C-alpha cells in the first residue's frame, strides 16, 4: 500500500514529503501534487484550531 506523509520543513516554509517503498513508484506524480497536499494539511490544521477554540469558548461559557 503506497503511503505518503507530509511535514513542514525546518524553516516552516518548505514542504517535505516522506514516502514508503511502495509510494516511491509514484514519486513523480506525488511531487507534482505537493502543493495540493500542503493546502490540505493547512486546511486541516486551520479546521482543528478553529474547532479547539470553539470548544474552549463553550467550556469557559458553561463553567
Protein backbone atom coordinates (compact mmCIF):
# COMPACT_ATOMS: atom_id res chain seq x y z
CA UNK A 1 0.00 0.00 0.00
CA UNK A 2 1.55 3.32 -1.03
CA UNK A 3 1.79 5.76 1.89
CA UNK A 4 2.93 9.39 1.76
CA UNK A 5 3.45 11.64 4.77
CA UNK A 6 3.73 15.41 4.69
CA UNK A 7 5.71 17.57 7.10
CA UNK A 8 6.71 21.18 7.36
CA UNK A 9 10.37 21.77 6.71
CA UNK A 10 12.79 23.13 9.28
CA UNK A 11 12.09 26.67 8.10
CA UNK A 12 8.32 26.04 8.16
CA UNK A 13 8.21 27.24 4.55
CA UNK A 14 9.30 24.08 2.77
CA UNK A 15 7.04 21.07 2.27
CA UNK A 16 8.69 17.72 2.91
CA UNK A 17 7.12 14.51 1.65
CA UNK A 18 8.00 11.13 3.12
CA UNK A 19 7.40 8.01 1.04
CA UNK A 20 7.25 4.35 1.91
CA UNK A 21 8.80 1.87 -0.52
CA UNK A 22 5.55 1.31 -2.46
CA UNK A 23 4.84 5.03 -2.83
CA UNK A 24 8.25 5.72 -4.40
CA UNK A 25 6.84 4.21 -7.60
CA UNK A 26 4.51 7.23 -7.80
CA UNK A 27 7.06 9.80 -6.63
CA UNK A 28 6.91 11.92 -9.80
CA UNK A 29 3.11 12.17 -9.72
CA UNK A 30 3.07 12.84 -5.98
CA UNK A 31 5.70 15.58 -6.27
CA UNK A 32 3.52 17.31 -8.86
CA UNK A 33 0.71 17.35 -6.28
CA UNK A 34 2.78 18.54 -3.30
CA UNK A 35 1.17 22.00 -3.28
CA UNK A 36 -2.25 20.35 -3.07
CA UNK A 37 -1.04 18.19 -0.17
CA UNK A 38 0.26 21.32 1.57
CA UNK A 39 -3.08 23.10 1.15
CA UNK A 40 -4.96 20.06 2.51
CA UNK A 41 -2.58 19.95 5.51
CA UNK A 42 -3.00 23.68 6.12
CA UNK A 43 -6.80 23.48 5.89
CA UNK A 44 -6.93 20.51 8.29
CA UNK A 45 -4.75 22.47 10.72
CA UNK A 46 -6.95 25.57 10.40
CA UNK A 47 -10.08 23.47 11.00
CA UNK A 48 -8.58 21.77 14.06
CA UNK A 49 -7.53 25.10 15.58
CA UNK A 50 -10.91 26.73 14.99
CA UNK A 51 -12.73 23.70 16.44
CA UNK A 52 -10.48 23.71 19.51
CA UNK A 53 -11.12 27.45 20.03
CA UNK A 54 -14.86 26.80 19.75
CA UNK A 55 -14.65 24.08 22.41
CA UNK A 56 -12.66 26.36 24.73
CA UNK A 57 -15.20 29.18 24.34
CA UNK A 58 -18.02 26.76 25.13
CA UNK A 59 -16.18 25.39 28.18
CA UNK A 60 -15.49 28.89 29.54
CA UNK A 61 -19.06 29.99 28.89
CA UNK A 62 -20.52 26.98 30.74
CA UNK A 63 -18.15 26.84 33.69
